[in-house]
């Protein structure tokens, strides 16, 4: 499941990145910074990325998950700061949804 989530995040990151004007070639890595001081996305692109990931989770894995919520923004380290943090955050929330019976 985590590999499926990582694939969705990676393809979504590339899809949104390619829409940015004059974006240099991008090499994906787990520690690629998505948002923040060294991040590749501004706030608008980040919102677009989140929507893209939520839609792909629903259509490809039948997972209905709201990523931008109070829990995400209250964490000490943003789950949107890197690919690895985002994948871990999504995976943890999917596990939590399963455990709660939703």
PDB file of N, CA and C in Angstrom:
ATOM      1  N   UNK A   1       0.815  -1.196   0.000  1.00  0.00           N
ATOM      2  CA  UNK A   1       0.000   0.000   0.000  1.00  0.00           C
ATOM      3  C   UNK A   1       0.860   1.263   0.000  1.00  0.00           C
ATOM      4  N   UNK A   2       1.928   1.244   0.811  1.00  0.00           N
ATOM      5  CA  UNK A   2       2.777   2.436   0.880  1.00  0.00           C
ATOM      6  C   UNK A   2       3.437   2.717  -0.464  1.00  0.00           C
ATOM      7  N   UNK A   3       3.802   1.674  -1.200  1.00  0.00           N
ATOM      8  CA  UNK A   3       4.392   1.869  -2.530  1.00  0.00           C
ATOM      9  C   UNK A   3       3.377   2.492  -3.489  1.00  0.00           C
ATOM     10  N   UNK A   4       2.118   2.096  -3.377  1.00  0.00           N
ATOM     11  CA  UNK A   4       1.063   2.691  -4.209  1.00  0.00           C
ATOM     12  C   UNK A   4       0.886   4.169  -3.879  1.00  0.00           C
ATOM     13  N   UNK A   5       0.920   4.490  -2.600  1.00  0.00           N
ATOM     14  CA  UNK A   5       0.796   5.883  -2.169  1.00  0.00           C
ATOM     15  C   UNK A   5       1.980   6.693  -2.688  1.00  0.00           C
ATOM     16  N   UNK A   6       3.183   6.130  -2.565  1.00  0.00           N
ATOM     17  CA  UNK A   6       4.381   6.824  -3.048  1.00  0.00           C
ATOM     18  C   UNK A   6       4.292   7.075  -4.555  1.00  0.00           C
ATOM     19  N   UNK A   7       3.797   6.114  -5.297  1.00  0.00           N
ATOM     20  CA  UNK A   7       3.659   6.279  -6.750  1.00  0.00           C
ATOM     21  C   UNK A   7       2.677   7.400  -7.071  1.00  0.00           C
ATOM     22  N   UNK A   8       1.586   7.466  -6.336  1.00  0.00           N
ATOM     23  CA  UNK A   8       0.602   8.534  -6.555  1.00  0.00           C
ATOM     24  C   UNK A   8       1.204   9.890  -6.221  1.00  0.00           C
ATOM     25  N   UNK A   9       1.908   9.977  -5.114  1.00  0.00           N
ATOM     26  CA  UNK A   9       2.544  11.251  -4.735  1.00  0.00           C
ATOM     27  C   UNK A   9       3.571  11.657  -5.787  1.00  0.00           C
ATOM     28  N   UNK A  10       4.417  10.727  -6.204  1.00  0.00           N
ATOM     29  CA  UNK A  10       5.456  11.047  -7.192  1.00  0.00           C
ATOM     30  C   UNK A  10       4.862  11.506  -8.524  1.00  0.00           C
ATOM     31  N   UNK A  11       3.875  10.793  -9.030  1.00  0.00           N
ATOM     32  CA  UNK A  11       3.283  11.200 -10.311  1.00  0.00           C
ATOM     33  C   UNK A  11       2.551  12.529 -10.179  1.00  0.00           C
ATOM     34  N   UNK A  12       1.953  12.768  -9.037  1.00  0.00           N
ATOM     35  CA  UNK A  12       1.261  14.042  -8.821  1.00  0.00           C
ATOM     36  C   UNK A  12       2.250  15.199  -8.725  1.00  0.00           C
ATOM     37  N   UNK A  13       3.345  14.985  -8.015  1.00  0.00           N
ATOM     38  CA  UNK A  13       4.380  16.018  -7.912  1.00  0.00           C
ATOM     39  C   UNK A  13       4.899  16.374  -9.301  1.00  0.00           C
ATOM     40  N   UNK A  14       5.200  15.372 -10.099  1.00  0.00           N
ATOM     41  CA  UNK A  14       5.695  15.635 -11.455  1.00  0.00           C
ATOM     42  C   UNK A  14       4.661  16.355 -12.309  1.00  0.00           C
ATOM     43  N   UNK A  15       3.412  15.932 -12.208  1.00  0.00           N
ATOM     44  CA  UNK A  15       2.352  16.549 -13.012  1.00  0.00           C
ATOM     45  C   UNK A  15       2.181  18.024 -12.672  1.00  0.00           C
ATOM     46  N   UNK A  16       2.176  18.359 -11.410  1.00  0.00           N
ATOM     47  CA  UNK A  16       2.010  19.757 -11.002  1.00  0.00           C
ATOM     48  C   UNK A  16       3.274  20.551 -11.312  1.00  0.00           C
ATOM     49  N   UNK A  17       4.427  19.970 -11.076  1.00  0.00           N
ATOM     50  CA  UNK A  17       5.690  20.652 -11.331  1.00  0.00           C
ATOM     51  C   UNK A  17       5.814  21.035 -12.804  1.00  0.00           C
ATOM     52  N   UNK A  18       5.386  20.145 -13.683  1.00  0.00           N
ATOM     53  CA  UNK A  18       5.496  20.402 -15.124  1.00  0.00           C
ATOM     54  C   UNK A  18       4.617  21.562 -15.581  1.00  0.00           C
ATOM     55  N   UNK A  19       3.650  21.972 -14.780  1.00  0.00           N
ATOM     56  CA  UNK A  19       2.798  23.110 -15.145  1.00  0.00           C
ATOM     57  C   UNK A  19       3.414  24.447 -14.752  1.00  0.00           C
ATOM     58  N   UNK A  20       4.485  24.411 -13.962  1.00  0.00           N
ATOM     59  CA  UNK A  20       5.116  25.645 -13.508  1.00  0.00           C
ATOM     60  C   UNK A  20       5.907  26.283 -14.646  1.00  0.00           C
ATOM     61  N   UNK A  21       5.829  27.597 -14.763  1.00  0.00           N
ATOM     62  CA  UNK A  21       6.576  28.264 -15.829  1.00  0.00           C
ATOM     63  C   UNK A  21       8.088  28.177 -15.596  1.00  0.00           C
ATOM     64  N   UNK A  22       8.798  27.877 -16.640  1.00  0.00           N
ATOM     65  CA  UNK A  22      10.265  27.834 -16.626  1.00  0.00           C
ATOM     66  C   UNK A  22      10.836  26.943 -15.519  1.00  0.00           C
ATOM     67  N   UNK A  23      10.185  25.835 -15.272  1.00  0.00           N
ATOM     68  CA  UNK A  23      10.670  24.912 -14.251  1.00  0.00           C
ATOM     69  C   UNK A  23      11.814  24.080 -14.824  1.00  0.00           C
ATOM     70  N   UNK A  24      12.971  24.081 -14.149  1.00  0.00           N
ATOM     71  CA  UNK A  24      14.082  23.253 -14.625  1.00  0.00           C
ATOM     72  C   UNK A  24      13.755  21.778 -14.436  1.00  0.00           C
ATOM     73  N   UNK A  25      14.486  20.894 -15.081  1.00  0.00           N
ATOM     74  CA  UNK A  25      14.237  19.461 -14.901  1.00  0.00           C
ATOM     75  C   UNK A  25      14.272  19.089 -13.419  1.00  0.00           C
ATOM     76  N   UNK A  26      13.436  18.136 -13.060  1.00  0.00           N
ATOM     77  CA  UNK A  26      13.293  17.749 -11.662  1.00  0.00           C
ATOM     78  C   UNK A  26      13.670  16.286 -11.475  1.00  0.00           C
ATOM     79  N   UNK A  27      14.460  16.021 -10.451  1.00  0.00           N
ATOM     80  CA  UNK A  27      14.788  14.657 -10.073  1.00  0.00           C
ATOM     81  C   UNK A  27      14.057  14.359  -8.770  1.00  0.00           C
ATOM     82  N   UNK A  28      13.191  13.352  -8.809  1.00  0.00           N
ATOM     83  CA  UNK A  28      12.442  12.987  -7.609  1.00  0.00           C
ATOM     84  C   UNK A  28      13.317  12.230  -6.631  1.00  0.00           C
ATOM     85  N   UNK A  29      13.174  12.553  -5.363  1.00  0.00           N
ATOM     86  CA  UNK A  29      13.813  11.811  -4.283  1.00  0.00           C
ATOM     87  C   UNK A  29      12.920  11.943  -3.060  1.00  0.00           C
ATOM     88  N   UNK A  30      13.065  11.032  -2.128  1.00  0.00           N
ATOM     89  CA  UNK A  30      12.230  11.061  -0.932  1.00  0.00           C
ATOM     90  C   UNK A  30      12.395  12.338  -0.126  1.00  0.00           C
ATOM     91  N   UNK A  31      13.592  12.931  -0.163  1.00  0.00           N
ATOM     92  CA  UNK A  31      13.826  14.132   0.620  1.00  0.00           C
ATOM     93  C   UNK A  31      13.609  15.428  -0.179  1.00  0.00           C
ATOM     94  N   UNK A  32      13.047  15.320  -1.373  1.00  0.00           N
ATOM     95  CA  UNK A  32      12.742  16.508  -2.169  1.00  0.00           C
ATOM     96  C   UNK A  32      11.799  17.406  -1.384  1.00  0.00           C
ATOM     97  N   UNK A  33      12.190  18.656  -1.189  1.00  0.00           N
ATOM     98  CA  UNK A  33      11.367  19.599  -0.443  1.00  0.00           C
ATOM     99  C   UNK A  33      10.247  20.124  -1.336  1.00  0.00           C
ATOM    100  N   UNK A  34       9.020  19.939  -0.870  1.00  0.00           N
ATOM    101  CA  UNK A  34       7.855  20.359  -1.637  1.00  0.00           C
ATOM    102  C   UNK A  34       7.445  21.784  -1.306  1.00  0.00           C
ATOM    103  N   UNK A  35       7.474  22.115  -0.026  1.00  0.00           N
ATOM    104  CA  UNK A  35       6.975  23.411   0.411  1.00  0.00           C
ATOM    105  C   UNK A  35       7.843  23.912   1.557  1.00  0.00           C
ATOM    106  N   UNK A  36       8.114  25.188   1.567  1.00  0.00           N
ATOM    107  CA  UNK A  36       8.966  25.787   2.592  1.00  0.00           C
ATOM    108  C   UNK A  36      10.060  26.596   1.939  1.00  0.00           C
ATOM    109  N   UNK A  37      11.093  26.905   2.695  1.00  0.00           N
ATOM    110  CA  UNK A  37      12.177  27.762   2.204  1.00  0.00           C
ATOM    111  C   UNK A  37      12.813  27.250   0.923  1.00  0.00           C
ATOM    112  N   UNK A  38      13.099  25.963   0.866  1.00  0.00           N
ATOM    113  CA  UNK A  38      13.736  25.365  -0.305  1.00  0.00           C
ATOM    114  C   UNK A  38      12.742  24.573  -1.154  1.00  0.00           C
ATOM    115  N   UNK A  39      11.461  24.724  -0.876  1.00  0.00           N
ATOM    116  CA  UNK A  39      10.438  23.952  -1.562  1.00  0.00           C
ATOM    117  C   UNK A  39      10.273  24.324  -3.020  1.00  0.00           C
ATOM    118  N   UNK A  40       9.820  23.371  -3.809  1.00  0.00           N
ATOM    119  CA  UNK A  40       9.634  23.598  -5.244  1.00  0.00           C
ATOM    120  C   UNK A  40       8.269  24.214  -5.554  1.00  0.00           C
ATOM    121  N   UNK A  41       7.344  24.205  -4.579  1.00  0.00           N
ATOM    122  CA  UNK A  41       5.999  24.724  -4.807  1.00  0.00           C
ATOM    123  C   UNK A  41       5.696  25.923  -3.922  1.00  0.00           C
ATOM    124  N   UNK A  42       4.944  26.865  -4.491  1.00  0.00           N
ATOM    125  CA  UNK A  42       4.383  27.937  -3.684  1.00  0.00           C
ATOM    126  C   UNK A  42       3.052  27.437  -3.121  1.00  0.00           C
ATOM    127  N   UNK A  43       2.347  28.277  -2.382  1.00  0.00           N
ATOM    128  CA  UNK A  43       1.128  27.817  -1.709  1.00  0.00           C
ATOM    129  C   UNK A  43       0.035  27.402  -2.690  1.00  0.00           C
ATOM    130  N   UNK A  44      -0.094  28.090  -3.802  1.00  0.00           N
ATOM    131  CA  UNK A  44      -1.114  27.730  -4.794  1.00  0.00           C
ATOM    132  C   UNK A  44      -0.804  26.379  -5.432  1.00  0.00           C
ATOM    133  N   UNK A  45       0.436  26.158  -5.788  1.00  0.00           N
ATOM    134  CA  UNK A  45       0.826  24.869  -6.370  1.00  0.00           C
ATOM    135  C   UNK A  45       0.668  23.748  -5.352  1.00  0.00           C
ATOM    136  N   UNK A  46       0.929  24.035  -4.075  1.00  0.00           N
ATOM    137  CA  UNK A  46       0.761  23.022  -3.035  1.00  0.00           C
ATOM    138  C   UNK A  46      -0.708  22.613  -2.911  1.00  0.00           C
ATOM    139  N   UNK A  47      -1.603  23.586  -2.939  1.00  0.00           N
ATOM    140  CA  UNK A  47      -3.038  23.276  -2.875  1.00  0.00           C
ATOM    141  C   UNK A  47      -3.436  22.417  -4.073  1.00  0.00           C
ATOM    142  N   UNK A  48      -2.941  22.765  -5.241  1.00  0.00           N
ATOM    143  CA  UNK A  48      -3.228  21.991  -6.445  1.00  0.00           C
ATOM    144  C   UNK A  48      -2.705  20.566  -6.304  1.00  0.00           C
ATOM    145  N   UNK A  49      -1.518  20.434  -5.748  1.00  0.00           N
ATOM    146  CA  UNK A  49      -0.932  19.107  -5.514  1.00  0.00           C
ATOM    147  C   UNK A  49      -1.798  18.288  -4.556  1.00  0.00           C
ATOM    148  N   UNK A  50      -2.232  18.891  -3.480  1.00  0.00           N
ATOM    149  CA  UNK A  50      -3.057  18.185  -2.495  1.00  0.00           C
ATOM    150  C   UNK A  50      -4.346  17.682  -3.132  1.00  0.00           C
ATOM    151  N   UNK A  51      -4.993  18.530  -3.917  1.00  0.00           N
ATOM    152  CA  UNK A  51      -6.234  18.133  -4.592  1.00  0.00           C
ATOM    153  C   UNK A  51      -5.963  16.981  -5.556  1.00  0.00           C
ATOM    154  N   UNK A  52      -4.890  17.075  -6.297  1.00  0.00           N
ATOM    155  CA  UNK A  52      -4.506  16.027  -7.247  1.00  0.00           C
ATOM    156  C   UNK A  52      -4.294  14.687  -6.531  1.00  0.00           C
ATOM    157  N   UNK A  53      -3.574  14.724  -5.431  1.00  0.00           N
ATOM    158  CA  UNK A  53      -3.314  13.492  -4.677  1.00  0.00           C
ATOM    159  C   UNK A  53      -4.607  12.924  -4.112  1.00  0.00           C
ATOM    160  N   UNK A  54      -5.448  13.772  -3.535  1.00  0.00           N
ATOM    161  CA  UNK A  54      -6.725  13.296  -2.987  1.00  0.00           C
ATOM    162  C   UNK A  54      -7.572  12.621  -4.062  1.00  0.00           C
ATOM    163  N   UNK A  55      -7.612  13.218  -5.252  1.00  0.00           N
ATOM    164  CA  UNK A  55      -8.391  12.636  -6.347  1.00  0.00           C
ATOM    165  C   UNK A  55      -7.820  11.286  -6.781  1.00  0.00           C
ATOM    166  N   UNK A  56      -6.505  11.189  -6.887  1.00  0.00           N
ATOM    167  CA  UNK A  56      -5.883   9.928  -7.301  1.00  0.00           C
ATOM    168  C   UNK A  56      -6.033   8.856  -6.232  1.00  0.00           C
ATOM    169  N   UNK A  57      -5.955   9.221  -4.972  1.00  0.00           N
ATOM    170  CA  UNK A  57      -6.185   8.243  -3.913  1.00  0.00           C
ATOM    171  C   UNK A  57      -7.586   7.667  -4.025  1.00  0.00           C
ATOM    172  N   UNK A  58      -8.544   8.530  -4.341  1.00  0.00           N
ATOM    173  CA  UNK A  58      -9.929   8.077  -4.467  1.00  0.00           C
ATOM    174  C   UNK A  58     -10.114   7.183  -5.694  1.00  0.00           C
ATOM    175  N   UNK A  59      -9.635   7.617  -6.842  1.00  0.00           N
ATOM    176  CA  UNK A  59      -9.894   6.873  -8.078  1.00  0.00           C
ATOM    177  C   UNK A  59      -9.049   5.598  -8.194  1.00  0.00           C
ATOM    178  N   UNK A  60      -7.810   5.633  -7.721  1.00  0.00           N
ATOM    179  CA  UNK A  60      -6.926   4.479  -7.907  1.00  0.00           C
ATOM    180  C   UNK A  60      -6.956   3.491  -6.744  1.00  0.00           C
ATOM    181  N   UNK A  61      -7.178   4.001  -5.520  1.00  0.00           N
ATOM    182  CA  UNK A  61      -7.115   3.123  -4.348  1.00  0.00           C
ATOM    183  C   UNK A  61      -8.412   3.106  -3.546  1.00  0.00           C
ATOM    184  N   UNK A  62      -9.418   3.840  -4.010  1.00  0.00           N
ATOM    185  CA  UNK A  62     -10.702   3.946  -3.296  1.00  0.00           C
ATOM    186  C   UNK A  62     -10.520   4.428  -1.858  1.00  0.00           C
ATOM    187  N   UNK A  63      -9.598   5.358  -1.687  1.00  0.00           N
ATOM    188  CA  UNK A  63      -9.332   5.955  -0.378  1.00  0.00           C
ATOM    189  C   UNK A  63      -9.853   7.379  -0.398  1.00  0.00           C
ATOM    190  N   UNK A  64     -10.789   7.655   0.480  1.00  0.00           N
ATOM    191  CA  UNK A  64     -11.365   8.996   0.585  1.00  0.00           C
ATOM    192  C   UNK A  64     -10.721   9.672   1.787  1.00  0.00           C
ATOM    193  N   UNK A  65      -9.780  10.585   1.519  1.00  0.00           N
ATOM    194  CA  UNK A  65      -8.986  11.178   2.587  1.00  0.00           C
ATOM    195  C   UNK A  65      -8.833  12.670   2.347  1.00  0.00           C
ATOM    196  N   UNK A  66      -9.063  13.455   3.386  1.00  0.00           N
ATOM    197  CA  UNK A  66      -8.863  14.895   3.338  1.00  0.00           C
ATOM    198  C   UNK A  66      -7.476  15.181   3.919  1.00  0.00           C
ATOM    199  N   UNK A  67      -6.556  15.626   3.069  1.00  0.00           N
ATOM    200  CA  UNK A  67      -5.169  15.811   3.508  1.00  0.00           C
ATOM    201  C   UNK A  67      -4.931  17.131   4.225  1.00  0.00           C
ATOM    202  N   UNK A  68      -5.557  18.187   3.768  1.00  0.00           N
ATOM    203  CA  UNK A  68      -5.365  19.505   4.375  1.00  0.00           C
ATOM    204  C   UNK A  68      -6.401  19.688   5.473  1.00  0.00           C
ATOM    205  N   UNK A  69      -6.030  19.264   6.665  1.00  0.00           N
ATOM    206  CA  UNK A  69      -6.947  19.369   7.792  1.00  0.00           C
ATOM    207  C   UNK A  69      -6.203  19.932   9.002  1.00  0.00           C
ATOM    208  N   UNK A  70      -6.920  20.084  10.086  1.00  0.00           N
ATOM    209  CA  UNK A  70      -6.328  20.651  11.304  1.00  0.00           C
ATOM    210  C   UNK A  70      -5.145  19.832  11.797  1.00  0.00           C
ATOM    211  N   UNK A  71      -5.258  18.524  11.689  1.00  0.00           N
ATOM    212  CA  UNK A  71      -4.175  17.645  12.136  1.00  0.00           C
ATOM    213  C   UNK A  71      -2.886  17.920  11.356  1.00  0.00           C
ATOM    214  N   UNK A  72      -3.016  18.103  10.053  1.00  0.00           N
ATOM    215  CA  UNK A  72      -1.840  18.349   9.213  1.00  0.00           C
ATOM    216  C   UNK A  72      -1.158  19.662   9.584  1.00  0.00           C
ATOM    217  N   UNK A  73      -1.955  20.684   9.838  1.00  0.00           N
ATOM    218  CA  UNK A  73      -1.382  22.005  10.102  1.00  0.00           C
ATOM    219  C   UNK A  73      -0.939  22.188  11.550  1.00  0.00           C
ATOM    220  N   UNK A  74      -1.330  21.278  12.437  1.00  0.00           N
ATOM    221  CA  UNK A  74      -0.947  21.405  13.837  1.00  0.00           C
ATOM    222  C   UNK A  74       0.333  20.635  14.165  1.00  0.00           C
ATOM    223  N   UNK A  75       0.860  19.902  13.217  1.00  0.00           N
ATOM    224  CA  UNK A  75       2.076  19.127  13.463  1.00  0.00           C
ATOM    225  C   UNK A  75       3.294  20.032  13.518  1.00  0.00           C
ATOM    226  N   UNK A  76       4.263  19.626  14.330  1.00  0.00           N
ATOM    227  CA  UNK A  76       5.488  20.407  14.463  1.00  0.00           C
ATOM    228  C   UNK A  76       6.242  20.480  13.131  1.00  0.00           C
ATOM    229  N   UNK A  77       6.274  19.358  12.410  1.00  0.00           N
ATOM    230  CA  UNK A  77       6.917  19.316  11.096  1.00  0.00           C
ATOM    231  C   UNK A  77       5.832  19.073  10.056  1.00  0.00           C
ATOM    232  N   UNK A  78       5.694  19.976   9.124  1.00  0.00           N
ATOM    233  CA  UNK A  78       4.635  19.891   8.128  1.00  0.00           C
ATOM    234  C   UNK A  78       4.743  18.609   7.309  1.00  0.00           C
ATOM    235  N   UNK A  79       3.622  17.904   7.141  1.00  0.00           N
ATOM    236  CA  UNK A  79       3.642  16.711   6.284  1.00  0.00           C
ATOM    237  C   UNK A  79       3.815  17.070   4.811  1.00  0.00           C
ATOM    238  N   UNK A  80       3.724  18.349   4.498  1.00  0.00           N
ATOM    239  CA  UNK A  80       3.850  18.791   3.115  1.00  0.00           C
ATOM    240  C   UNK A  80       5.258  19.299   2.793  1.00  0.00           C
ATOM    241  N   UNK A  81       6.190  19.114   3.725  1.00  0.00           N
ATOM    242  CA  UNK A  81       7.531  19.650   3.510  1.00  0.00           C
ATOM    243  C   UNK A  81       8.375  18.817   2.554  1.00  0.00           C
ATOM    244  N   UNK A  82       8.145  17.504   2.498  1.00  0.00           N
ATOM    245  CA  UNK A  82       8.925  16.656   1.595  1.00  0.00           C
ATOM    246  C   UNK A  82       8.072  15.489   1.115  1.00  0.00           C
ATOM    247  N   UNK A  83       8.544  14.827   0.097  1.00  0.00           N
ATOM    248  CA  UNK A  83       7.832  13.662  -0.429  1.00  0.00           C
ATOM    249  C   UNK A  83       7.706  12.589   0.650  1.00  0.00           C
ATOM    250  N   UNK A  84       8.786  12.296   1.338  1.00  0.00           N
ATOM    251  CA  UNK A  84       8.757  11.234   2.353  1.00  0.00           C
ATOM    252  C   UNK A  84       7.780  11.560   3.480  1.00  0.00           C
ATOM    253  N   UNK A  85       7.797  12.782   3.955  1.00  0.00           N
ATOM    254  CA  UNK A  85       6.857  13.165   5.023  1.00  0.00           C
ATOM    255  C   UNK A  85       5.412  13.048   4.546  1.00  0.00           C
ATOM    256  N   UNK A  86       5.158  13.440   3.315  1.00  0.00           N
ATOM    257  CA  UNK A  86       3.805  13.371   2.779  1.00  0.00           C
ATOM    258  C   UNK A  86       3.344  11.930   2.622  1.00  0.00           C
ATOM    259  N   UNK A  87       4.196  11.079   2.099  1.00  0.00           N
ATOM    260  CA  UNK A  87       3.863   9.660   1.955  1.00  0.00           C
ATOM    261  C   UNK A  87       3.590   9.042   3.334  1.00  0.00           C
ATOM    262  N   UNK A  88       4.457   9.323   4.298  1.00  0.00           N
ATOM    263  CA  UNK A  88       4.269   8.786   5.649  1.00  0.00           C
ATOM    264  C   UNK A  88       2.970   9.289   6.266  1.00  0.00           C
ATOM    265  N   UNK A  89       2.673  10.563   6.066  1.00  0.00           N
ATOM    266  CA  UNK A  89       1.448  11.158   6.609  1.00  0.00           C
ATOM    267  C   UNK A  89       0.201  10.492   6.008  1.00  0.00           C
ATOM    268  N   UNK A  90       0.209  10.327   4.701  1.00  0.00           N
ATOM    269  CA  UNK A  90      -0.937   9.684   4.038  1.00  0.00           C
ATOM    270  C   UNK A  90      -1.079   8.247   4.535  1.00  0.00           C
ATOM    271  N   UNK A  91       0.022   7.522   4.568  1.00  0.00           N
ATOM    272  CA  UNK A  91      -0.018   6.121   4.989  1.00  0.00           C
ATOM    273  C   UNK A  91      -0.541   6.000   6.424  1.00  0.00           C
ATOM    274  N   UNK A  92      -0.075   6.858   7.311  1.00  0.00           N
ATOM    275  CA  UNK A  92      -0.531   6.821   8.710  1.00  0.00           C
ATOM    276  C   UNK A  92      -2.026   7.103   8.802  1.00  0.00           C
ATOM    277  N   UNK A  93      -2.520   8.036   7.990  1.00  0.00           N
ATOM    278  CA  UNK A  93      -3.942   8.368   8.020  1.00  0.00           C
ATOM    279  C   UNK A  93      -4.793   7.249   7.427  1.00  0.00           C
ATOM    280  N   UNK A  94      -4.288   6.588   6.408  1.00  0.00           N
ATOM    281  CA  UNK A  94      -5.011   5.447   5.835  1.00  0.00           C
ATOM    282  C   UNK A  94      -5.103   4.339   6.873  1.00  0.00           C
ATOM    283  N   UNK A  95      -4.009   4.057   7.563  1.00  0.00           N
ATOM    284  CA  UNK A  95      -4.007   3.038   8.621  1.00  0.00           C
ATOM    285  C   UNK A  95      -4.974   3.414   9.741  1.00  0.00           C
ATOM    286  N   UNK A  96      -4.993   4.686  10.094  1.00  0.00           N
ATOM    287  CA  UNK A  96      -5.874   5.150  11.161  1.00  0.00           C
ATOM    288  C   UNK A  96      -7.343   4.985  10.754  1.00  0.00           C
ATOM    289  N   UNK A  97      -7.652   5.286   9.487  1.00  0.00           N
ATOM    290  CA  UNK A  97      -9.019   5.123   8.989  1.00  0.00           C
ATOM    291  C   UNK A  97      -9.434   3.656   9.033  1.00  0.00           C
ATOM    292  N   UNK A  98      -8.515   2.764   8.661  1.00  0.00           N
ATOM    293  CA  UNK A  98      -8.807   1.324   8.701  1.00  0.00           C
ATOM    294  C   UNK A  98      -9.069   0.874  10.132  1.00  0.00           C
ATOM    295  N   UNK A  99      -8.215   1.338  11.061  1.00  0.00           N
ATOM    296  CA  UNK A  99      -8.346   0.938  12.462  1.00  0.00           C
ATOM    297  C   UNK A  99      -9.639   1.438  13.095  1.00  0.00           C
ATOM    298  N   UNK A 100     -10.113   2.604  12.627  1.00  0.00           N
ATOM    299  CA  UNK A 100     -11.340   3.154  13.209  1.00  0.00           C
ATOM    300  C   UNK A 100     -12.581   2.569  12.564  1.00  0.00           C
ATOM    301  N   UNK A 101     -12.390   1.729  11.533  1.00  0.00           N
ATOM    302  CA  UNK A 101     -13.519   1.067  10.892  1.00  0.00           C
ATOM    303  C   UNK A 101     -14.245   1.870   9.843  1.00  0.00           C
ATOM    304  N   UNK A 102     -13.634   2.947   9.396  1.00  0.00           N
ATOM    305  CA  UNK A 102     -14.262   3.788   8.375  1.00  0.00           C
ATOM    306  C   UNK A 102     -13.970   3.259   6.999  1.00  0.00           C
TER     307      UNK A 102
END
